[in-house]
Amino acid sequence: MTQLADAGADVSNDIKGGAALAYKAMGTSNKAHQASPFGTGTAGKGRGKKEAKRDWTFWFIIGIIVLFVVVVACIYFVKKYNATSKTYIKVGEHEITQVEFDYYYSMITNQYLSQDSTSLLFMGIDASQPLDEQTCIYDENLTWKDYFVESTVPMIQQVKALCDDAQAKGFEYDVTSDYDSYISSIASSISSAGVSSSYYYEQYFGEYATESRLEPYVKEYLTSQAYYAQLETDNATTDDEVKEEYETNPQLYDTIDYHLYSIGANAEDDATDEELEAAMDTAEERSYEMLERYENGEDWRELCYEYAIDEAKDNYDPENEGDPTEVTGGTQTTISSNYFDWLADDSRKAGDGMVYRDESNEACFIVIFDAKTPYDLETDPSDIAGTLTTEKVQSYIDDLLVDYEVTDMGKHLKYLYVDETSAADDSSANETGTADDSSANETGTADDSSADTDSSVDETN
């Protein structure tokens, strides 16, 4: 106990001693301040100003950051509100939001881009690059995004028309099972991709897409599909209709087997019209030469290999298993109109050949007829029946679509204004041309005037 007391006394003494030293130091410091030639507390005030400046700078930076966050948040919520609540386009009396439009747009694009990369590159599409930065091969005034947007609109029109008609006709359908299957397939895709649900929906269905936001649109689409199936049932084609259709249009259903080979014009990219014409003449001569040798008994595949350009010879090597020139099961819808009539002629015999000069493709085509197979109505009338039923249903839908015109208040559908833009460009070009012509005419008038003067002078002389 005595030791604890002594220790406590020592600690107490130390505290008192430390306090005394601190008090003494404060006193010394105060004296130093009092003795300062700059006046009382000058150093303390300087430090205070610097600290205040630092505090002001710190809070200014914090304020800028907070303001930036607020602005970004406001932009996000405004865009979100516009996408989920405001009218993007109107279809008939239906107001379509951007979220709904993006859902149908994604269905179109995802289906199209699911093709293999070779097919896409042939179409001029690079799936790794933004579609709105790639020119559509069908219209140089549109991007591929514009093209898919144009394809999206008819899909929305049809869904709205079918659902409205289904309701008007009292069509009842429980979409629950179809919807559950749809969501289950998406869940499986999300699991396979190893991503979050929100990320998947955003990437595949649009920036603001979620399962709950898309639910009414998905159910409406599935209902339209069910009603379409009902229309097919109601408009089923009879056997008599199938027979009548085939007898009227056999060329649509009979199939033709043939061989097709092309010899291109060997002309430079910058060739003149005369040079291209000469190259086409040469290609035509070689085509007739090859056909004549085939008709005289030479082997077709050996000839194809011989006449192929060096870069393509491997494709036509007779040692290869497949023949790249062989076409089977062709119909009027798949065979070029340039030689379909010739192939479909009832007088055609196996081995008959022809040469077609195709100026637009800068090549000549050698066509060899193999066989024509009449459509078998007895064993397989389904193709004709399906075609006729589809035509009936589509005709019915086309009548409905008259009341589903598109209204684009925000000019989101660029394809609607391509003609206007082109007309404006043409008008501008015409105005420029007119101005140039006017200038040329004025110059010409002045030159003519000068020429008249010279003539007068000559006559005078």
Protein backbone atom coordinates (compact mmCIF):
# COMPACT_ATOMS: atom_id res chain seq x y z
CA MET A 1 0.00 0.00 0.00
CA THR A 2 2.81 2.36 0.93
CA GLN A 3 4.52 1.65 -2.39
CA LEU A 4 1.28 2.35 -4.34
CA ALA A 5 0.89 5.59 -2.41
CA ASP A 6 4.45 6.59 -3.12
CA ALA A 7 3.96 5.77 -6.81
CA GLY A 8 0.81 7.86 -6.87
CA ALA A 9 2.67 10.69 -5.25
CA ASP A 10 5.41 10.45 -7.84
CA VAL A 11 2.84 10.54 -10.70
CA SER A 12 1.16 13.50 -9.03
CA ASN A 13 4.43 15.30 -8.68
CA ASP A 14 5.27 14.55 -12.33
CA ILE A 15 1.91 15.98 -13.47
CA LYS A 16 2.40 19.06 -11.32
CA GLY A 17 5.96 19.43 -12.63
CA GLY A 18 4.76 19.05 -16.25
CA ALA A 19 2.03 21.60 -15.67
CA ALA A 20 4.49 23.99 -14.20
CA LEU A 21 6.80 23.61 -17.20
CA ALA A 22 3.95 24.07 -19.57
CA TYR A 23 2.80 27.18 -17.72
CA LYS A 24 6.34 28.51 -17.74
CA ALA A 25 6.67 27.84 -21.47
CA MET A 26 3.39 29.63 -22.08
CA GLY A 27 4.62 32.51 -20.10
CA THR A 28 7.83 32.67 -22.05
CA SER A 29 5.87 32.46 -25.25
CA ASN A 30 3.61 35.28 -24.18
CA LYS A 31 6.57 37.41 -23.32
CA ALA A 32 8.08 36.64 -26.68
CA HIS A 33 4.89 37.80 -28.32
CA GLN A 34 4.81 40.89 -26.23
CA ALA A 35 8.35 41.66 -27.18
CA SER A 36 7.75 41.10 -30.91
CA PRO A 37 8.44 44.19 -32.99
CA PHE A 38 5.43 43.26 -35.25
CA GLY A 39 2.91 43.65 -32.48
CA THR A 40 0.94 41.33 -30.31
CA GLY A 41 0.06 37.85 -31.87
CA THR A 42 1.30 38.55 -35.43
CA ALA A 43 2.63 35.00 -36.01
CA GLY A 44 -0.62 33.43 -34.72
CA LYS A 45 -2.72 35.54 -37.05
CA GLY A 46 -0.59 34.49 -40.10
CA ARG A 47 -1.04 30.86 -39.32
CA GLY A 48 -4.78 31.39 -38.89
CA LYS A 49 -5.11 32.97 -42.33
CA LYS A 50 -3.23 30.12 -44.00
CA GLU A 51 -5.35 27.52 -42.23
CA ALA A 52 -8.52 29.37 -43.19
CA LYS A 53 -7.38 29.48 -46.84
CA ARG A 54 -6.66 25.76 -46.80
CA ASP A 55 -10.10 25.07 -45.32
CA TRP A 56 -11.79 27.22 -47.97
CA THR A 57 -9.93 25.42 -50.80
CA PHE A 58 -10.82 22.03 -49.36
CA TRP A 59 -14.52 22.81 -49.06
CA PHE A 60 -14.54 24.40 -52.54
CA ILE A 61 -13.19 21.17 -54.04
CA ILE A 62 -15.72 19.14 -52.06
CA GLY A 63 -18.47 21.43 -53.32
CA ILE A 64 -17.38 20.95 -56.96
CA ILE A 65 -17.38 17.17 -56.51
CA VAL A 66 -20.80 17.21 -54.88
CA LEU A 67 -22.15 19.45 -57.65
CA PHE A 68 -20.74 17.09 -60.31
CA VAL A 69 -22.33 14.09 -58.63
CA VAL A 70 -25.67 15.91 -58.40
CA VAL A 71 -25.56 16.93 -62.08
CA VAL A 72 -24.69 13.38 -63.19
CA ALA A 73 -27.46 11.97 -61.01
CA CYS A 74 -29.96 14.49 -62.41
CA ILE A 75 -28.98 13.63 -65.98
CA TYR A 76 -29.33 9.91 -65.24
CA PHE A 77 -32.74 10.24 -63.62
CA VAL A 78 -34.00 12.58 -66.36
CA LYS A 79 -32.86 10.11 -69.05
CA LYS A 80 -34.35 7.25 -67.07
CA TYR A 81 -37.67 9.08 -66.73
CA ASN A 82 -37.72 9.91 -70.45
CA ALA A 83 -36.92 6.32 -71.39
CA THR A 84 -39.46 4.69 -69.10
CA SER A 85 -42.30 7.24 -69.06
CA LYS A 86 -42.24 9.61 -72.03
CA THR A 87 -43.56 8.77 -75.49
CA TYR A 88 -40.78 7.75 -77.88
CA ILE A 89 -43.04 7.13 -80.89
CA LYS A 90 -46.76 6.54 -81.42
CA VAL A 91 -48.21 3.55 -83.26
CA GLY A 92 -51.84 4.24 -83.97
CA GLU A 93 -53.21 5.32 -80.59
CA HIS A 94 -50.48 3.47 -78.66
CA GLU A 95 -47.72 5.49 -77.00
CA ILE A 96 -44.44 3.57 -77.14
CA THR A 97 -41.70 4.31 -74.61
CA GLN A 98 -38.02 3.97 -75.41
CA VAL A 99 -37.80 0.91 -73.14
CA GLU A 100 -40.53 -0.82 -75.13
CA PHE A 101 -39.02 0.22 -78.45
CA ASP A 102 -35.56 -0.99 -77.37
CA TYR A 103 -37.05 -4.38 -76.44
CA TYR A 104 -38.32 -5.01 -79.97
CA TYR A 105 -35.20 -3.45 -81.51
CA SER A 106 -33.04 -5.88 -79.52
CA MET A 107 -35.10 -8.83 -80.76
CA ILE A 108 -34.44 -7.78 -84.36
CA THR A 109 -30.72 -7.07 -83.94
CA ASN A 110 -29.91 -10.06 -81.74
CA GLN A 111 -31.54 -12.42 -84.22
CA TYR A 112 -29.71 -10.82 -87.15
CA LEU A 113 -26.32 -10.69 -85.42
CA SER A 114 -26.59 -14.33 -84.33
CA GLN A 115 -25.44 -15.28 -87.84
CA ASP A 116 -21.88 -16.48 -88.24
CA SER A 117 -19.19 -13.82 -88.51
CA THR A 118 -18.43 -14.65 -92.15
CA SER A 119 -22.00 -13.89 -93.21
CA LEU A 120 -21.95 -10.64 -91.24
CA LEU A 121 -18.67 -9.51 -92.79
CA PHE A 122 -20.10 -10.32 -96.23
CA MET A 123 -22.95 -7.95 -95.36
CA GLY A 124 -20.44 -5.34 -94.21
CA ILE A 125 -21.24 -5.66 -90.50
CA ASP A 126 -18.60 -5.73 -87.78
CA ALA A 127 -20.41 -6.95 -84.67
CA SER A 128 -17.62 -5.61 -82.45
CA GLN A 129 -18.23 -2.02 -83.57
CA PRO A 130 -21.23 0.29 -82.95
CA LEU A 131 -23.96 -0.22 -85.54
CA ASP A 132 -24.59 3.52 -85.79
CA GLU A 133 -21.06 3.97 -87.16
CA GLN A 134 -21.41 1.45 -90.02
CA THR A 135 -23.07 2.31 -93.32
CA CYS A 136 -25.87 0.00 -94.45
CA ILE A 137 -25.19 -1.70 -97.79
CA TYR A 138 -28.84 -1.30 -98.78
CA ASP A 139 -28.90 2.48 -98.37
CA GLU A 140 -25.79 4.65 -98.10
CA ASN A 141 -27.84 7.32 -96.32
CA LEU A 142 -28.53 4.96 -93.40
CA THR A 143 -26.40 3.19 -90.82
CA TRP A 144 -27.04 -0.43 -89.84
CA LYS A 145 -28.71 0.86 -86.68
CA ASP A 146 -31.10 2.90 -88.82
CA TYR A 147 -31.81 -0.21 -90.88
CA PHE A 148 -32.67 -2.29 -87.81
CA VAL A 149 -34.78 0.55 -86.44
CA GLU A 150 -36.72 0.53 -89.71
CA SER A 151 -37.25 -3.23 -89.30
CA THR A 152 -38.41 -2.77 -85.70
CA VAL A 153 -41.35 -0.51 -86.44
CA PRO A 154 -43.41 -3.04 -88.50
CA MET A 155 -42.92 -5.59 -85.74
CA ILE A 156 -44.39 -3.22 -83.13
CA GLN A 157 -47.24 -2.32 -85.47
CA GLN A 158 -48.14 -5.98 -85.96
CA VAL A 159 -48.01 -6.81 -82.24
CA LYS A 160 -50.29 -3.88 -81.37
CA ALA A 161 -52.71 -4.65 -84.20
CA LEU A 162 -52.95 -8.34 -83.30
CA CYS A 163 -53.46 -7.71 -79.59
CA ASP A 164 -56.14 -5.10 -80.22
CA ASP A 165 -57.93 -7.39 -82.65
CA ALA A 166 -57.65 -10.32 -80.23
CA GLN A 167 -59.30 -8.26 -77.53
CA ALA A 168 -62.01 -7.02 -79.88
CA LYS A 169 -62.77 -10.58 -81.03
CA GLY A 170 -62.92 -11.90 -77.46
CA PHE A 171 -59.78 -14.02 -77.78
CA GLU A 172 -58.74 -15.21 -74.33
CA TYR A 173 -55.30 -16.61 -73.59
CA ASP A 174 -53.45 -17.37 -70.37
CA VAL A 175 -49.91 -16.23 -71.09
CA THR A 176 -48.51 -17.32 -67.71
CA SER A 177 -46.95 -20.58 -68.88
CA ASP A 178 -45.34 -19.00 -71.95
CA TYR A 179 -44.00 -16.12 -69.87
CA ASP A 180 -42.53 -18.44 -67.23
CA SER A 181 -40.77 -20.43 -69.95
CA TYR A 182 -39.45 -17.21 -71.47
CA ILE A 183 -38.05 -15.98 -68.15
CA SER A 184 -36.59 -19.40 -67.43
CA SER A 185 -34.69 -19.38 -70.73
CA ILE A 186 -33.30 -15.92 -69.95
CA ALA A 187 -32.26 -17.06 -66.47
CA SER A 188 -30.43 -19.98 -68.06
CA SER A 189 -28.65 -17.61 -70.48
CA ILE A 190 -27.64 -15.33 -67.61
CA SER A 191 -26.25 -18.28 -65.68
CA SER A 192 -24.30 -19.53 -68.70
CA ALA A 193 -22.88 -16.06 -69.36
CA GLY A 194 -21.83 -15.68 -65.74
CA VAL A 195 -23.07 -12.10 -65.45
CA SER A 196 -25.56 -10.29 -63.27
CA SER A 197 -29.22 -10.09 -64.23
CA SER A 198 -29.13 -6.29 -64.50
CA TYR A 199 -26.08 -6.39 -66.78
CA TYR A 200 -27.66 -9.03 -69.05
CA TYR A 201 -30.93 -7.14 -69.45
CA GLU A 202 -29.08 -3.89 -70.13
CA GLN A 203 -26.81 -5.46 -72.75
CA TYR A 204 -29.48 -7.50 -74.55
CA PHE A 205 -32.66 -5.44 -74.19
CA GLY A 206 -31.61 -1.83 -73.76
CA GLU A 207 -30.00 0.57 -71.29
CA TYR A 208 -33.00 0.82 -68.95
CA ALA A 209 -34.39 -2.68 -69.36
CA THR A 210 -35.20 -4.80 -66.31
CA GLU A 211 -37.30 -7.92 -65.91
CA SER A 212 -40.15 -6.01 -64.28
CA ARG A 213 -40.16 -3.21 -66.86
CA LEU A 214 -40.20 -5.63 -69.77
CA GLU A 215 -42.85 -7.95 -68.32
CA PRO A 216 -45.92 -6.25 -69.88
CA TYR A 217 -44.22 -6.02 -73.30
CA VAL A 218 -43.09 -9.64 -73.24
CA LYS A 219 -46.57 -10.81 -72.28
CA GLU A 220 -48.13 -8.68 -75.00
CA TYR A 221 -45.73 -10.10 -77.59
CA LEU A 222 -46.43 -13.68 -76.49
CA THR A 223 -50.18 -13.01 -76.66
CA SER A 224 -49.83 -11.68 -80.21
CA GLN A 225 -47.98 -14.87 -81.17
CA ALA A 226 -50.74 -17.02 -79.70
CA TYR A 227 -53.40 -15.02 -81.58
CA TYR A 228 -51.40 -15.34 -84.80
CA ALA A 229 -51.43 -19.14 -84.34
CA GLN A 230 -55.19 -18.98 -83.87
CA LEU A 231 -55.55 -17.01 -87.10
CA GLU A 232 -53.56 -19.71 -88.90
CA THR A 233 -55.94 -22.33 -87.58
CA ASP A 234 -58.96 -20.28 -88.62
CA ASN A 235 -57.51 -19.75 -92.12
CA ALA A 236 -56.17 -23.26 -92.74
CA THR A 237 -55.85 -24.15 -96.43
CA THR A 238 -57.97 -27.00 -97.84
CA ASP A 239 -56.72 -29.79 -100.09
CA ASP A 240 -58.65 -28.38 -103.02
CA GLU A 241 -56.98 -25.00 -102.57
CA VAL A 242 -53.57 -26.70 -102.51
CA LYS A 243 -54.27 -28.55 -105.76
CA GLU A 244 -55.57 -25.44 -107.51
CA GLU A 245 -52.54 -23.41 -106.42
CA TYR A 246 -50.06 -26.00 -107.71
CA GLU A 247 -51.78 -26.37 -111.06
CA THR A 248 -51.78 -22.59 -111.46
CA ASN A 249 -48.18 -21.96 -110.36
CA PRO A 250 -46.10 -25.15 -110.64
CA GLN A 251 -42.89 -23.14 -111.11
CA LEU A 252 -43.15 -21.95 -107.53
CA TYR A 253 -42.96 -25.48 -106.14
CA ASP A 254 -41.16 -27.70 -108.63
CA THR A 255 -37.45 -27.93 -107.83
CA ILE A 256 -34.53 -27.69 -110.23
CA ASP A 257 -31.01 -29.07 -109.92
CA TYR A 258 -28.26 -27.38 -111.94
CA HIS A 259 -24.61 -26.33 -112.01
CA LEU A 260 -23.48 -22.71 -112.01
CA TYR A 261 -20.01 -21.36 -112.78
CA SER A 262 -18.84 -17.78 -113.31
CA ILE A 263 -15.95 -16.25 -115.24
CA GLY A 264 -15.29 -12.67 -114.22
CA ALA A 265 -14.12 -9.79 -116.37
CA ASN A 266 -10.41 -9.34 -115.74
CA ALA A 267 -10.41 -5.56 -115.50
CA GLU A 268 -8.71 -3.11 -113.17
CA ASP A 269 -10.77 -1.15 -110.64
CA ASP A 270 -10.11 2.10 -112.50
CA ALA A 271 -10.73 0.61 -115.96
CA THR A 272 -12.47 2.80 -118.52
CA ASP A 273 -15.81 1.79 -120.01
CA GLU A 274 -14.04 0.65 -123.15
CA GLU A 275 -11.56 -1.46 -121.20
CA LEU A 276 -14.34 -3.03 -119.13
CA GLU A 277 -16.35 -3.81 -122.28
CA ALA A 278 -13.32 -5.53 -123.78
CA ALA A 279 -12.75 -7.53 -120.58
CA MET A 280 -16.40 -8.63 -120.61
CA ASP A 281 -16.07 -9.70 -124.25
CA THR A 282 -13.05 -11.82 -123.31
CA ALA A 283 -14.93 -13.40 -120.37
CA GLU A 284 -17.86 -14.22 -122.66
CA GLU A 285 -15.57 -15.83 -125.24
CA ARG A 286 -13.92 -17.97 -122.57
CA SER A 287 -17.34 -18.96 -121.19
CA TYR A 288 -18.60 -20.18 -124.57
CA GLU A 289 -15.30 -21.94 -125.12
CA MET A 290 -15.61 -23.79 -121.80
CA LEU A 291 -19.25 -24.69 -122.46
CA GLU A 292 -18.38 -26.06 -125.91
CA ARG A 293 -15.61 -28.23 -124.47
CA TYR A 294 -18.05 -29.57 -121.83
CA GLU A 295 -20.67 -30.37 -124.49
CA ASN A 296 -17.96 -32.20 -126.44
CA GLY A 297 -17.46 -34.56 -123.52
CA GLU A 298 -14.73 -33.05 -121.34
CA ASP A 299 -15.10 -33.40 -117.55
CA TRP A 300 -16.99 -30.51 -115.93
CA ARG A 301 -14.96 -30.35 -112.74
CA GLU A 302 -11.66 -30.49 -114.60
CA LEU A 303 -12.80 -27.59 -116.76
CA CYS A 304 -13.88 -25.56 -113.71
CA TYR A 305 -10.42 -26.05 -112.22
CA GLU A 306 -8.68 -25.10 -115.46
CA TYR A 307 -10.67 -21.90 -116.02
CA ALA A 308 -10.56 -20.74 -112.38
CA ILE A 309 -8.25 -17.88 -111.45
CA ASP A 310 -5.19 -18.86 -109.44
CA GLU A 311 -6.62 -17.57 -106.15
CA ALA A 312 -9.72 -19.79 -106.51
CA LYS A 313 -8.25 -23.00 -107.93
CA ASP A 314 -8.19 -24.75 -104.55
CA ASN A 315 -11.97 -24.36 -104.33
CA TYR A 316 -12.47 -26.17 -107.63
CA ASP A 317 -9.91 -28.92 -107.18
CA PRO A 318 -11.55 -32.11 -108.60
CA GLU A 319 -9.98 -34.05 -105.75
CA ASN A 320 -12.23 -32.22 -103.28
CA GLU A 321 -15.26 -34.14 -102.10
CA GLY A 322 -17.86 -31.43 -102.78
CA ASP A 323 -18.61 -29.60 -106.02
CA PRO A 324 -19.03 -25.86 -105.33
CA THR A 325 -20.91 -25.34 -108.60
CA GLU A 326 -23.71 -27.81 -107.77
CA VAL A 327 -27.12 -26.36 -106.84
CA THR A 328 -29.99 -28.61 -105.74
CA GLY A 329 -33.63 -27.93 -104.97
CA GLY A 330 -33.76 -24.50 -106.57
CA THR A 331 -37.13 -22.79 -107.08
CA GLN A 332 -38.35 -19.60 -108.68
CA THR A 333 -37.81 -17.77 -105.40
CA THR A 334 -34.16 -18.86 -105.10
CA ILE A 335 -32.96 -18.99 -108.71
CA SER A 336 -31.92 -15.79 -110.50
CA SER A 337 -34.54 -14.47 -112.88
CA ASN A 338 -31.74 -14.10 -115.44
CA TYR A 339 -31.80 -17.82 -116.17
CA PHE A 340 -34.82 -19.27 -114.30
CA ASP A 341 -37.11 -19.28 -117.34
CA TRP A 342 -34.46 -21.12 -119.33
CA LEU A 343 -34.03 -23.75 -116.59
CA ALA A 344 -37.79 -24.16 -116.07
CA ASP A 345 -38.55 -24.72 -119.75
CA ASP A 346 -40.23 -28.13 -120.15
CA SER A 347 -38.05 -28.89 -123.18
CA ARG A 348 -34.88 -28.72 -121.11
CA LYS A 349 -32.73 -31.91 -121.06
CA ALA A 350 -29.96 -32.99 -118.70
CA GLY A 351 -26.63 -31.55 -119.83
CA ASP A 352 -28.11 -28.54 -121.64
CA GLY A 353 -26.04 -25.41 -121.09
CA MET A 354 -26.23 -21.66 -121.57
CA VAL A 355 -24.08 -18.58 -121.00
CA TYR A 356 -25.48 -15.46 -119.37
CA ARG A 357 -23.60 -12.17 -119.61
CA ASP A 358 -24.15 -10.17 -116.43
CA GLU A 359 -22.96 -6.60 -116.91
CA SER A 360 -23.93 -5.53 -113.40
CA ASN A 361 -21.72 -8.19 -111.80
CA GLU A 362 -19.01 -7.85 -114.45
CA ALA A 363 -19.05 -11.60 -115.09
CA CYS A 364 -20.44 -14.29 -117.35
CA PHE A 365 -22.32 -17.29 -115.90
CA ILE A 366 -22.32 -20.79 -117.35
CA VAL A 367 -25.51 -22.68 -116.40
CA ILE A 368 -25.84 -26.44 -116.85
CA PHE A 369 -29.29 -28.02 -116.42
CA ASP A 370 -29.39 -31.31 -114.49
CA ALA A 371 -33.00 -32.17 -113.61
CA LYS A 372 -36.42 -30.85 -112.61
CA THR A 373 -38.47 -32.57 -109.91
CA PRO A 374 -42.27 -31.99 -109.88
CA TYR A 375 -43.75 -31.26 -106.48
CA ASP A 376 -45.35 -34.33 -104.86
CA LEU A 377 -48.86 -33.29 -103.86
CA GLU A 378 -49.76 -36.77 -102.66
CA THR A 379 -47.06 -37.12 -100.02
CA ASP A 380 -46.21 -33.56 -99.08
CA PRO A 381 -48.82 -30.84 -99.62
CA SER A 382 -47.76 -29.06 -96.42
CA ASP A 383 -45.43 -26.54 -98.04
CA ILE A 384 -48.12 -25.23 -100.37
CA ALA A 385 -50.72 -25.30 -97.60
CA GLY A 386 -48.40 -23.43 -95.26
CA THR A 387 -47.59 -20.83 -97.88
CA LEU A 388 -51.25 -20.17 -98.70
CA THR A 389 -52.23 -20.00 -95.03
CA THR A 390 -49.44 -17.52 -94.32
CA GLU A 391 -50.57 -15.37 -97.23
CA LYS A 392 -54.17 -15.37 -95.96
CA VAL A 393 -53.16 -14.39 -92.44
CA GLN A 394 -50.77 -11.70 -93.64
CA SER A 395 -53.48 -10.25 -95.87
CA TYR A 396 -55.79 -10.09 -92.85
CA ILE A 397 -53.07 -8.36 -90.78
CA ASP A 398 -52.30 -5.89 -93.57
CA ASP A 399 -55.93 -4.75 -93.44
CA LEU A 400 -55.58 -4.19 -89.69
CA LEU A 401 -52.37 -2.18 -90.06
CA VAL A 402 -54.14 0.60 -91.94
CA ASP A 403 -55.09 2.08 -88.56
CA TYR A 404 -51.59 1.82 -87.08
CA GLU A 405 -49.66 4.65 -88.66
CA VAL A 406 -46.42 5.74 -87.00
CA THR A 407 -45.99 9.19 -85.48
CA ASP A 408 -42.41 10.19 -84.70
CA MET A 409 -42.51 13.40 -82.68
CA GLY A 410 -38.86 13.30 -81.64
CA LYS A 411 -37.50 12.30 -85.06
CA HIS A 412 -35.98 9.08 -83.75
CA LEU A 413 -36.73 7.18 -86.97
CA LYS A 414 -34.12 8.49 -89.38
CA TYR A 415 -35.31 6.33 -92.27
CA LEU A 416 -38.48 8.42 -92.47
CA TYR A 417 -36.48 11.53 -93.36
CA VAL A 418 -33.90 10.13 -95.77
CA ASP A 419 -35.82 11.36 -98.81
CA GLU A 420 -36.14 14.82 -97.27
CA THR A 421 -32.41 14.96 -96.57
CA SER A 422 -31.56 13.73 -100.05
CA ALA A 423 -33.96 16.26 -101.57
CA ALA A 424 -32.35 19.03 -99.53
CA ASP A 425 -28.87 17.94 -100.68
CA ASP A 426 -30.05 17.79 -104.29
CA SER A 427 -31.63 21.21 -103.95
CA SER A 428 -28.40 22.60 -102.54
CA ALA A 429 -26.44 20.99 -105.36
CA ASN A 430 -28.87 22.36 -107.94
CA GLU A 431 -28.60 25.84 -106.44
CA THR A 432 -24.82 25.59 -106.63
CA GLY A 433 -25.05 24.31 -110.18
CA THR A 434 -27.44 27.10 -111.14
CA ALA A 435 -25.11 29.67 -109.63
CA ASP A 436 -22.18 28.18 -111.53
CA ASP A 437 -24.22 28.11 -114.74
CA SER A 438 -25.27 31.70 -114.16
CA SER A 439 -21.68 32.72 -113.62
CA ALA A 440 -20.65 30.82 -116.72
CA ASN A 441 -23.42 32.46 -118.71
CA GLU A 442 -22.39 35.90 -117.51
CA THR A 443 -18.79 35.16 -118.46
CA GLY A 444 -19.94 33.78 -121.78
CA THR A 445 -22.00 36.91 -122.43
CA ALA A 446 -19.01 39.08 -121.68
CA ASP A 447 -16.85 36.95 -123.97
CA ASP A 448 -19.50 37.12 -126.67
CA SER A 449 -19.65 40.87 -126.28
CA SER A 450 -15.88 41.05 -126.64
CA ALA A 451 -16.06 38.82 -129.69
CA ASP A 452 -18.71 41.07 -131.25
CA THR A 453 -16.47 44.05 -130.66
CA ASP A 454 -13.55 42.27 -132.32
CA SER A 455 -15.80 41.39 -135.24
CA SER A 456 -16.84 45.01 -135.61
CA VAL A 457 -13.25 46.07 -135.56
CA ASP A 458 -12.40 43.50 -138.22
CA GLU A 459 -15.26 44.61 -140.37
CA THR A 460 -14.21 48.18 -139.91
CA ASN A 461 -10.71 47.33 -140.95
